[in-house]
C-alpha atoms as a PDB file:
ATOM      1  CA  MET A   1     -18.211 -26.883  63.350  1.00  0.00           C
ATOM      2  CA  ARG A   2     -18.648 -23.359  63.530  1.00  0.00           C
ATOM      3  CA  LYS A   3     -15.216 -22.170  61.793  1.00  0.00           C
ATOM      4  CA  THR A   4     -16.073 -24.381  58.950  1.00  0.00           C
ATOM      5  CA  LEU A   5     -19.676 -23.113  58.927  1.00  0.00           C
ATOM      6  CA  ILE A   6     -17.556 -19.592  58.574  1.00  0.00           C
ATOM      7  CA  TYR A   7     -15.228 -20.968  56.091  1.00  0.00           C
ATOM      8  CA  LEU A   8     -18.164 -21.987  54.044  1.00  0.00           C
ATOM      9  CA  THR A   9     -20.031 -18.646  53.917  1.00  0.00           C
ATOM     10  CA  ILE A  10     -17.023 -16.761  53.324  1.00  0.00           C
ATOM     11  CA  SER A  11     -15.984 -19.214  50.351  1.00  0.00           C
ATOM     12  CA  GLY A  12     -19.789 -18.994  49.106  1.00  0.00           C
ATOM     13  CA  THR A  13     -19.704 -15.103  49.254  1.00  0.00           C
ATOM     14  CA  VAL A  14     -16.450 -14.880  47.449  1.00  0.00           C
ATOM     15  CA  LEU A  15     -17.460 -17.395  44.862  1.00  0.00           C
ATOM     16  CA  LEU A  16     -20.936 -15.433  44.544  1.00  0.00           C
ATOM     17  CA  SER A  17     -18.931 -12.138  43.808  1.00  0.00           C
ATOM     18  CA  ALA A  18     -16.221 -13.597  41.487  1.00  0.00           C
ATOM     19  CA  SER A  19     -18.878 -15.147  39.399  1.00  0.00           C
ATOM     20  CA  CYS A  20     -21.481 -11.648  39.053  1.00  0.00           C
ATOM     21  CA  GLY A  21     -17.833  -9.918  38.527  1.00  0.00           C
ATOM     22  CA  SER A  22     -17.257 -12.276  35.860  1.00  0.00           C
ATOM     23  CA  GLY A  23     -20.831 -11.512  34.528  1.00  0.00           C
ATOM     24  CA  GLU A  24     -19.990  -8.159  34.635  1.00  0.00           C
ATOM     25  CA  GLU A  25     -16.331  -8.041  33.197  1.00  0.00           C
ATOM     26  CA  SER A  26     -17.751 -10.306  30.537  1.00  0.00           C
ATOM     27  CA  GLU A  27     -20.620  -8.061  29.197  1.00  0.00           C
ATOM     28  CA  ALA A  28     -18.347  -5.010  29.338  1.00  0.00           C
ATOM     29  CA  ALA A  29     -15.904  -7.300  27.443  1.00  0.00           C
ATOM     30  CA  ASN A  30     -18.721  -8.007  24.941  1.00  0.00           C
ATOM     31  CA  LYS A  31     -19.634  -4.053  24.672  1.00  0.00           C
ATOM     32  CA  ASN A  32     -16.212  -3.126  23.945  1.00  0.00           C
ATOM     33  CA  ASN A  33     -15.555  -5.915  21.103  1.00  0.00           C
ATOM     34  CA  GLU A  34     -18.801  -4.487  19.587  1.00  0.00           C
ATOM     35  CA  ALA A  35     -17.482  -1.179  19.679  1.00  0.00           C
ATOM     36  CA  VAL A  36     -13.670  -2.251  17.987  1.00  0.00           C
ATOM     37  CA  ALA A  37     -16.000  -3.956  15.235  1.00  0.00           C
ATOM     38  CA  GLN A  38     -17.602  -1.142  14.628  1.00  0.00           C
ATOM     39  CA  THR A  39     -14.517   1.258  14.437  1.00  0.00           C
ATOM     40  CA  PRO A  40     -13.475   1.647  11.145  1.00  0.00           C
ATOM     41  CA  VAL A  41      -9.753  -0.125  10.310  1.00  0.00           C
ATOM     42  CA  ALA A  42      -7.211   1.812   8.584  1.00  0.00           C
ATOM     43  CA  GLY A  43      -4.342   0.408   6.799  1.00  0.00           C
ATOM     44  CA  GLN A  44      -0.693   1.230   7.147  1.00  0.00           C
ATOM     45  CA  SER A  45      -0.992   4.634   5.198  1.00  0.00           C
ATOM     46  CA  ALA A  46      -2.756   5.629   8.461  1.00  0.00           C
ATOM     47  CA  VAL A  47       0.091   5.453  10.722  1.00  0.00           C
ATOM     48  CA  ALA A  48       1.457   8.792  11.623  1.00  0.00           C
ATOM     49  CA  ASP A  49       5.304   8.976  11.828  1.00  0.00           C
ATOM     50  CA  ASP A  50       7.084  12.236  11.454  1.00  0.00           C
ATOM     51  CA  VAL A  51      10.766  10.980  12.282  1.00  0.00           C
ATOM     52  CA  SER A  52      11.559   7.921   9.955  1.00  0.00           C
ATOM     53  CA  ALA A  53      12.053   7.886   6.057  1.00  0.00           C
ATOM     54  CA  LYS A  54       9.093   8.533   4.017  1.00  0.00           C
ATOM     55  CA  ASN A  55       7.693   5.191   2.151  1.00  0.00           C
ATOM     56  CA  ILE A  56       6.419   5.525  -1.622  1.00  0.00           C
ATOM     57  CA  VAL A  57       3.295   6.947  -1.495  1.00  0.00           C
ATOM     58  CA  GLN A  58       4.665   9.850   0.876  1.00  0.00           C
ATOM     59  CA  VAL A  59       7.176  10.476  -1.352  1.00  0.00           C
ATOM     60  CA  ALA A  60       4.639  10.604  -4.291  1.00  0.00           C
ATOM     61  CA  VAL A  61       2.218  12.207  -2.281  1.00  0.00           C
ATOM     62  CA  GLY A  62       4.996  15.210  -2.091  1.00  0.00           C
ATOM     63  CA  SER A  63       5.816  15.507  -5.478  1.00  0.00           C
ATOM     64  CA  LYS A  64       3.822  18.240  -7.455  1.00  0.00           C
ATOM     65  CA  ASP A  65       5.243  16.338 -10.676  1.00  0.00           C
ATOM     66  CA  HIS A  66       3.208  12.784  -9.508  1.00  0.00           C
ATOM     67  CA  THR A  67      -0.364  14.199  -8.656  1.00  0.00           C
ATOM     68  CA  THR A  68      -2.076  12.131 -11.605  1.00  0.00           C
ATOM     69  CA  LEU A  69      -0.075   9.296  -9.991  1.00  0.00           C
ATOM     70  CA  VAL A  70      -1.409  10.078  -6.736  1.00  0.00           C
ATOM     71  CA  ALA A  71      -5.099  10.192  -7.725  1.00  0.00           C
ATOM     72  CA  ALA A  72      -4.883   7.261  -9.485  1.00  0.00           C
ATOM     73  CA  VAL A  73      -3.468   5.074  -6.670  1.00  0.00           C
ATOM     74  CA  LYS A  74      -6.234   6.480  -4.409  1.00  0.00           C
ATOM     75  CA  ALA A  75      -8.933   5.440  -6.986  1.00  0.00           C
ATOM     76  CA  ALA A  76      -7.168   2.263  -7.182  1.00  0.00           C
ATOM     77  CA  GLU A  77      -7.524   2.116  -3.507  1.00  0.00           C
ATOM     78  CA  LEU A  78      -3.767   0.629  -3.671  1.00  0.00           C
ATOM     79  CA  VAL A  79      -2.356   3.421  -1.009  1.00  0.00           C
ATOM     80  CA  ASP A  80      -2.227   1.044   1.612  1.00  0.00           C
ATOM     81  CA  VAL A  81      -0.557  -1.801  -0.613  1.00  0.00           C
ATOM     82  CA  LEU A  82       2.134   0.732  -1.757  1.00  0.00           C
ATOM     83  CA  SER A  83       2.686   1.884   2.126  1.00  0.00           C
ATOM     84  CA  ASN A  84       3.346  -1.247   3.077  1.00  0.00           C
ATOM     85  CA  THR A  85       6.737  -2.527   3.927  1.00  0.00           C
ATOM     86  CA  GLY A  86       7.734  -4.108   0.616  1.00  0.00           C
ATOM     87  CA  PRO A  87      10.237  -3.430  -0.933  1.00  0.00           C
ATOM     88  CA  PHE A  88       9.009  -2.521  -4.138  1.00  0.00           C
ATOM     89  CA  THR A  89      10.552  -0.789  -7.495  1.00  0.00           C
ATOM     90  CA  VAL A  90       7.783   1.752  -8.604  1.00  0.00           C
ATOM     91  CA  PHE A  91       8.385   3.088 -12.174  1.00  0.00           C
ATOM     92  CA  ALA A  92       6.519   6.236 -11.557  1.00  0.00           C
ATOM     93  CA  PRO A  93       5.298   8.299 -14.328  1.00  0.00           C
ATOM     94  CA  THR A  94       5.193  12.222 -14.074  1.00  0.00           C
ATOM     95  CA  ASN A  95       1.877  14.359 -14.876  1.00  0.00           C
ATOM     96  CA  ALA A  96       3.503  15.014 -18.422  1.00  0.00           C
ATOM     97  CA  ALA A  97       3.544  11.276 -19.040  1.00  0.00           C
ATOM     98  CA  PHE A  98      -0.155  11.010 -18.572  1.00  0.00           C
ATOM     99  CA  GLU A  99      -0.633  13.764 -20.308  1.00  0.00           C
ATOM    100  CA  LYS A 100       0.657  12.180 -23.643  1.00  0.00           C
ATOM    101  CA  LEU A 101      -2.203   9.640 -23.451  1.00  0.00           C
ATOM    102  CA  PRO A 102      -4.767   9.945 -25.484  1.00  0.00           C
ATOM    103  CA  ALA A 103      -7.659  12.558 -24.142  1.00  0.00           C
ATOM    104  CA  GLY A 104     -10.075  11.062 -21.448  1.00  0.00           C
ATOM    105  CA  THR A 105      -8.008   8.074 -20.883  1.00  0.00           C
ATOM    106  CA  VAL A 106      -6.976   9.292 -17.421  1.00  0.00           C
ATOM    107  CA  GLU A 107     -10.370  10.692 -16.524  1.00  0.00           C
ATOM    108  CA  GLY A 108     -12.164   7.523 -17.535  1.00  0.00           C
ATOM    109  CA  LEU A 109      -9.993   5.022 -15.589  1.00  0.00           C
ATOM    110  CA  LEU A 110     -10.582   6.720 -12.593  1.00  0.00           C
ATOM    111  CA  LYS A 111     -13.979   6.348 -12.936  1.00  0.00           C
ATOM    112  CA  PRO A 112     -14.998   3.270 -10.101  1.00  0.00           C
ATOM    113  CA  GLU A 113     -16.302   1.212 -12.684  1.00  0.00           C
ATOM    114  CA  LYS A 114     -12.801   1.084 -14.649  1.00  0.00           C
ATOM    115  CA  LYS A 115     -11.099   0.183 -11.069  1.00  0.00           C
ATOM    116  CA  GLU A 116      -9.817  -3.184 -12.114  1.00  0.00           C
ATOM    117  CA  ALA A 117      -8.251  -1.905 -15.299  1.00  0.00           C
ATOM    118  CA  LEU A 118      -6.641   0.822 -13.411  1.00  0.00           C
ATOM    119  CA  GLN A 119      -5.306  -1.731 -10.823  1.00  0.00           C
ATOM    120  CA  ASP A 120      -3.974  -3.546 -13.456  1.00  0.00           C
ATOM    121  CA  ILE A 121      -2.139  -0.600 -15.216  1.00  0.00           C
ATOM    122  CA  LEU A 122      -0.961   0.683 -12.024  1.00  0.00           C
ATOM    123  CA  GLN A 123       0.367  -2.570 -11.119  1.00  0.00           C
ATOM    124  CA  TYR A 124       2.225  -3.166 -14.265  1.00  0.00           C
ATOM    125  CA  HIS A 125       4.542  -0.134 -12.793  1.00  0.00           C
ATOM    126  CA  VAL A 126       5.645  -2.298  -9.718  1.00  0.00           C
ATOM    127  CA  SER A 127       8.063  -4.872  -9.009  1.00  0.00           C
ATOM    128  CA  VAL A 128       8.161  -6.483  -5.728  1.00  0.00           C
ATOM    129  CA  GLY A 129      11.941  -6.307  -4.455  1.00  0.00           C
ATOM    130  CA  VAL A 130      14.289  -3.323  -4.927  1.00  0.00           C
ATOM    131  CA  TYR A 131      16.146  -2.705  -8.040  1.00  0.00           C
ATOM    132  CA  GLN A 132      18.619   0.275  -8.140  1.00  0.00           C
ATOM    133  CA  ALA A 133      19.148   2.039 -10.942  1.00  0.00           C
ATOM    134  CA  ASP A 134      23.018   0.947 -11.163  1.00  0.00           C
ATOM    135  CA  ALA A 135      22.415  -2.423 -10.875  1.00  0.00           C
ATOM    136  CA  LEU A 136      19.382  -2.293 -14.039  1.00  0.00           C
ATOM    137  CA  GLN A 137      20.925  -4.209 -17.102  1.00  0.00           C
ATOM    138  CA  ASP A 138      20.281  -3.971 -20.843  1.00  0.00           C
ATOM    139  CA  GLY A 139      17.804  -6.554 -21.688  1.00  0.00           C
ATOM    140  CA  GLN A 140      17.033  -7.302 -18.278  1.00  0.00           C
ATOM    141  CA  VAL A 141      13.295  -8.799 -17.608  1.00  0.00           C
ATOM    142  CA  LEU A 142      11.371  -7.829 -14.240  1.00  0.00           C
ATOM    143  CA  GLY A 143       8.150  -9.186 -13.170  1.00  0.00           C
ATOM    144  CA  GLN A 144       5.630  -7.219 -12.266  1.00  0.00           C
ATOM    145  CA  VAL A 145       2.974  -7.387  -9.502  1.00  0.00           C
ATOM    146  CA  ASN A 146      -0.020  -7.452 -11.999  1.00  0.00           C
ATOM    147  CA  GLY A 147       1.924 -10.964 -13.456  1.00  0.00           C
ATOM    148  CA  SER A 148       3.516  -9.505 -16.704  1.00  0.00           C
ATOM    149  CA  ASN A 149       6.798  -8.628 -17.391  1.00  0.00           C
ATOM    150  CA  ILE A 150       8.674  -5.178 -18.498  1.00  0.00           C
ATOM    151  CA  THR A 151      11.985  -4.992 -20.095  1.00  0.00           C
ATOM    152  CA  ILE A 152      14.703  -2.767 -19.517  1.00  0.00           C
ATOM    153  CA  SER A 153      17.362  -1.826 -22.123  1.00  0.00           C
ATOM    154  CA  LYS A 154      19.986   0.868 -21.864  1.00  0.00           C
ATOM    155  CA  LYS A 155      20.977   3.569 -24.609  1.00  0.00           C
ATOM    156  CA  ASP A 156      23.555   6.497 -24.337  1.00  0.00           C
ATOM    157  CA  GLY A 157      23.793   5.608 -20.506  1.00  0.00           C
ATOM    158  CA  LYS A 158      19.898   6.159 -20.032  1.00  0.00           C
ATOM    159  CA  ILE A 159      17.773   3.217 -18.571  1.00  0.00           C
ATOM    160  CA  ILE A 160      14.786   2.680 -20.635  1.00  0.00           C
ATOM    161  CA  VAL A 161      11.678   0.401 -19.801  1.00  0.00           C
ATOM    162  CA  ASN A 162       9.606  -1.563 -22.743  1.00  0.00           C
ATOM    163  CA  GLY A 163      11.312   0.833 -25.261  1.00  0.00           C
ATOM    164  CA  SER A 164       9.219   3.358 -24.556  1.00  0.00           C
ATOM    165  CA  ALA A 165       9.692   5.503 -21.190  1.00  0.00           C
ATOM    166  CA  THR A 166      12.803   6.748 -19.808  1.00  0.00           C
ATOM    167  CA  VAL A 167      14.119   6.608 -16.386  1.00  0.00           C
ATOM    168  CA  ILE A 168      14.674  10.445 -15.334  1.00  0.00           C
ATOM    169  CA  ALA A 169      15.161  10.158 -11.677  1.00  0.00           C
ATOM    170  CA  SER A 170      15.786   7.443  -8.931  1.00  0.00           C
ATOM    171  CA  ILE A 171      14.610   8.322  -5.398  1.00  0.00           C
ATOM    172  CA  GLN A 172      15.470   6.133  -2.383  1.00  0.00           C
ATOM    173  CA  THR A 173      12.100   5.505   0.318  1.00  0.00           C
ATOM    174  CA  SER A 174      11.881   3.492   3.389  1.00  0.00           C
ATOM    175  CA  ASN A 175      10.161   0.673   1.821  1.00  0.00           C
ATOM    176  CA  GLY A 176      11.954   0.317  -1.835  1.00  0.00           C
ATOM    177  CA  VAL A 177      12.605   2.698  -4.815  1.00  0.00           C
ATOM    178  CA  ILE A 178      10.820   5.125  -7.278  1.00  0.00           C
ATOM    179  CA  HIS A 179      12.146   5.367 -10.774  1.00  0.00           C
ATOM    180  CA  VAL A 180      10.303   8.509 -12.230  1.00  0.00           C
ATOM    181  CA  ILE A 181       9.427   7.752 -15.840  1.00  0.00           C
ATOM    182  CA  ASP A 182       8.389  10.216 -18.977  1.00  0.00           C
ATOM    183  CA  GLY A 183       5.845   7.473 -20.447  1.00  0.00           C
ATOM    184  CA  VAL A 184       3.141   5.385 -18.941  1.00  0.00           C
ATOM    185  CA  LEU A 185       3.475   1.607 -19.459  1.00  0.00           C
ATOM    186  CA  LEU A 186       0.410  -0.037 -20.544  1.00  0.00           C
ATOM    187  CA  PRO A 187       0.588  -3.741 -19.656  1.00  0.00           C
ATOM    188  CA  PRO A 188       0.341  -6.175 -22.672  1.00  0.00           C
ATOM    189  CA  LYS A 189      -3.049  -7.131 -23.640  1.00  0.00           C
ATOM    190  CA  GLN A 190      -3.658 -11.165 -22.693  1.00  0.00           C
END
Protein backbone atom coordinates (compact mmCIF):
# COMPACT_ATOMS: atom_id res chain seq x y z
CA MET A 1 0.00 0.00 0.00
CA ARG A 2 2.84 2.32 0.88
CA LYS A 3 4.48 1.66 -2.52
CA THR A 4 1.19 2.47 -4.27
CA LEU A 5 0.86 5.72 -2.33
CA ILE A 6 4.43 6.74 -3.21
CA TYR A 7 3.80 5.81 -6.83
CA LEU A 8 0.58 7.90 -6.96
CA THR A 9 2.33 10.85 -5.31
CA ILE A 10 5.20 10.72 -7.79
CA SER A 11 2.82 10.26 -10.73
CA GLY A 12 0.69 13.20 -9.56
CA THR A 13 3.76 15.40 -9.17
CA VAL A 14 5.00 14.48 -12.64
CA LEU A 15 1.59 15.18 -14.19
CA LEU A 16 1.27 18.46 -12.33
CA SER A 17 4.76 19.50 -13.42
CA ALA A 18 4.05 18.49 -17.01
CA SER A 19 0.81 20.43 -17.11
CA CYS A 20 2.43 23.53 -15.58
CA GLY A 21 5.34 23.27 -17.98
CA SER A 22 2.90 22.89 -20.81
CA GLY A 23 1.16 26.11 -19.86
CA GLU A 24 4.43 27.99 -19.64
CA GLU A 25 5.60 26.53 -22.94
CA SER A 26 2.25 27.37 -24.51
CA GLU A 27 2.50 30.95 -23.25
CA ALA A 28 6.06 31.21 -24.60
CA ALA A 29 4.93 29.78 -27.92
CA ASN A 30 2.09 32.30 -28.11
CA LYS A 31 4.50 35.18 -27.45
CA ASN A 32 6.84 33.81 -30.12
CA ASN A 33 3.95 33.53 -32.61
CA GLU A 34 2.93 37.12 -31.88
CA ALA A 35 6.50 38.32 -32.47
CA VAL A 36 6.67 36.43 -35.76
CA ALA A 37 3.31 37.85 -36.86
CA GLN A 38 4.59 41.40 -36.21
CA THR A 39 7.85 40.84 -38.10
CA PRO A 40 7.69 42.32 -41.60
CA VAL A 41 7.85 39.65 -44.29
CA ALA A 42 10.44 40.09 -47.00
CA GLY A 43 10.19 38.42 -50.36
CA GLN A 44 12.70 36.66 -52.58
CA SER A 45 14.51 39.92 -53.29
CA ALA A 46 15.61 40.08 -49.63
CA VAL A 47 17.53 36.81 -49.81
CA ALA A 48 21.25 37.51 -49.51
CA ASP A 49 23.26 35.37 -51.92
CA ASP A 50 26.64 36.49 -53.16
CA VAL A 51 27.54 33.10 -54.62
CA SER A 52 24.83 32.18 -57.14
CA ALA A 53 24.35 33.70 -60.57
CA LYS A 54 22.38 36.96 -60.47
CA ASN A 55 18.64 37.00 -61.15
CA ILE A 56 16.85 39.42 -63.48
CA VAL A 57 16.41 42.13 -60.85
CA GLN A 58 19.99 41.90 -59.62
CA VAL A 59 21.33 42.22 -63.17
CA ALA A 60 19.06 45.23 -63.87
CA VAL A 61 20.05 46.92 -60.60
CA GLY A 62 23.70 46.55 -61.58
CA SER A 63 23.15 48.18 -64.99
CA LYS A 64 23.70 51.93 -65.34
CA ASP A 65 21.53 51.78 -68.49
CA HIS A 66 18.45 50.49 -66.66
CA THR A 67 17.99 52.87 -63.70
CA THR A 68 14.61 54.07 -65.01
CA LEU A 69 13.40 50.49 -65.44
CA VAL A 70 14.56 49.58 -61.93
CA ALA A 71 12.77 52.62 -60.47
CA ALA A 72 9.60 51.60 -62.33
CA VAL A 73 9.82 47.96 -61.15
CA LYS A 74 10.19 49.20 -57.55
CA ALA A 75 7.28 51.65 -57.88
CA ALA A 76 5.09 48.89 -59.33
CA GLU A 77 6.10 46.56 -56.48
CA LEU A 78 7.30 43.87 -58.89
CA VAL A 79 10.80 43.36 -57.46
CA ASP A 80 9.94 40.15 -55.59
CA VAL A 81 8.01 38.70 -58.52
CA LEU A 82 10.95 39.18 -60.90
CA SER A 83 13.36 37.85 -58.26
CA ASN A 84 11.50 34.54 -58.00
CA THR A 85 12.51 31.33 -59.74
CA GLY A 86 10.77 32.10 -63.01
CA PRO A 87 11.73 31.28 -65.66
CA PHE A 88 11.12 34.65 -67.31
CA THR A 89 12.03 36.43 -70.50
CA VAL A 90 12.18 40.17 -69.91
CA PHE A 91 12.34 42.72 -72.69
CA ALA A 92 14.16 45.48 -70.81
CA PRO A 93 14.04 49.03 -72.19
CA THR A 94 17.12 51.16 -71.62
CA ASN A 95 17.05 54.61 -70.03
CA ALA A 96 17.35 56.06 -73.56
CA ALA A 97 14.24 54.09 -74.58
CA PHE A 98 12.25 55.68 -71.75
CA GLU A 99 13.54 59.11 -72.78
CA LYS A 100 11.84 58.64 -76.18
CA LEU A 101 8.42 58.70 -74.48
CA PRO A 102 6.55 62.02 -74.36
CA ALA A 103 7.76 64.37 -71.63
CA GLY A 104 6.29 63.63 -68.22
CA THR A 105 5.13 60.08 -69.11
CA VAL A 106 7.59 58.25 -66.86
CA GLU A 107 7.16 60.68 -63.97
CA GLY A 108 3.38 60.35 -64.25
CA LEU A 109 3.53 56.54 -64.24
CA LEU A 110 5.74 56.50 -61.13
CA LYS A 111 2.99 58.18 -59.06
CA PRO A 112 1.24 55.82 -56.59
CA GLU A 113 -2.17 56.40 -58.18
CA LYS A 114 -0.80 55.11 -61.52
CA LYS A 115 0.55 51.86 -60.05
CA GLU A 116 -1.91 49.61 -61.96
CA ALA A 117 -1.12 51.25 -65.31
CA LEU A 118 2.61 50.95 -64.58
CA GLN A 119 2.22 47.28 -63.65
CA ASP A 120 0.34 46.64 -66.90
CA ILE A 121 3.11 48.25 -68.97
CA LEU A 122 5.90 46.43 -67.13
CA GLN A 123 4.10 43.08 -67.29
CA TYR A 124 3.76 43.63 -71.04
CA HIS A 125 7.56 43.35 -71.14
CA VAL A 126 7.63 39.90 -69.46
CA SER A 127 6.98 36.39 -70.81
CA VAL A 128 6.82 33.29 -68.66
CA GLY A 129 9.43 30.90 -70.01
CA VAL A 130 12.87 31.40 -71.49
CA TYR A 131 13.02 32.53 -75.09
CA GLN A 132 16.66 32.69 -76.15
CA ALA A 133 17.52 35.14 -78.94
CA ASP A 134 18.48 32.36 -81.35
CA ALA A 135 15.12 30.64 -80.79
CA LEU A 136 13.02 33.72 -81.59
CA GLN A 137 11.44 33.41 -85.04
CA ASP A 138 10.05 35.89 -87.53
CA GLY A 139 6.30 36.18 -86.95
CA GLN A 140 6.44 34.47 -83.54
CA VAL A 141 3.79 35.64 -81.08
CA LEU A 142 4.55 35.55 -77.36
CA GLY A 143 1.97 35.79 -74.61
CA GLN A 144 2.93 38.33 -71.99
CA VAL A 145 2.24 38.33 -68.26
CA ASN A 146 -0.37 41.11 -68.60
CA GLY A 147 -2.46 38.90 -70.93
CA SER A 148 -1.56 40.64 -74.20
CA ASN A 149 0.77 39.42 -76.95
CA ILE A 150 3.90 40.73 -78.60
CA THR A 151 5.09 39.85 -82.09
CA ILE A 152 8.68 39.09 -83.00
CA SER A 153 10.09 39.93 -86.42
CA LYS A 154 13.55 39.55 -87.89
CA LYS A 155 15.11 41.95 -90.33
CA ASP A 156 18.74 42.06 -91.46
CA GLY A 157 19.69 39.68 -88.64
CA LYS A 158 18.09 41.91 -85.99
CA ILE A 159 15.28 40.90 -83.66
CA ILE A 160 12.48 43.45 -83.52
CA VAL A 161 9.61 43.44 -81.03
CA ASN A 162 6.21 44.78 -82.17
CA GLY A 163 7.88 46.44 -85.15
CA SER A 164 9.32 49.19 -82.95
CA ALA A 165 11.91 47.96 -80.42
CA THR A 166 15.14 46.27 -81.43
CA VAL A 167 16.91 43.73 -79.22
CA ILE A 168 20.41 45.17 -78.74
CA ALA A 169 21.75 42.59 -76.26
CA SER A 170 20.72 39.42 -74.44
CA ILE A 171 21.83 38.55 -70.92
CA GLN A 172 21.44 35.15 -69.28
CA THR A 173 20.32 35.25 -65.62
CA SER A 174 19.65 32.64 -62.96
CA ASN A 175 15.89 32.91 -63.49
CA GLY A 176 15.65 33.57 -67.21
CA VAL A 177 16.93 35.88 -69.89
CA ILE A 178 16.92 39.65 -70.39
CA HIS A 179 16.66 41.02 -73.92
CA VAL A 180 17.76 44.66 -73.77
CA ILE A 181 15.59 46.73 -76.12
CA ASP A 182 15.82 50.28 -77.45
CA GLY A 183 12.12 51.08 -77.11
CA VAL A 184 9.33 50.86 -74.55
CA LEU A 185 6.53 48.44 -75.42
CA LEU A 186 3.07 49.85 -74.81
CA PRO A 187 0.24 47.33 -74.42
CA PRO A 188 -2.62 47.55 -76.91
CA LYS A 189 -5.61 49.49 -75.67
CA GLN A 190 -8.44 47.19 -74.67
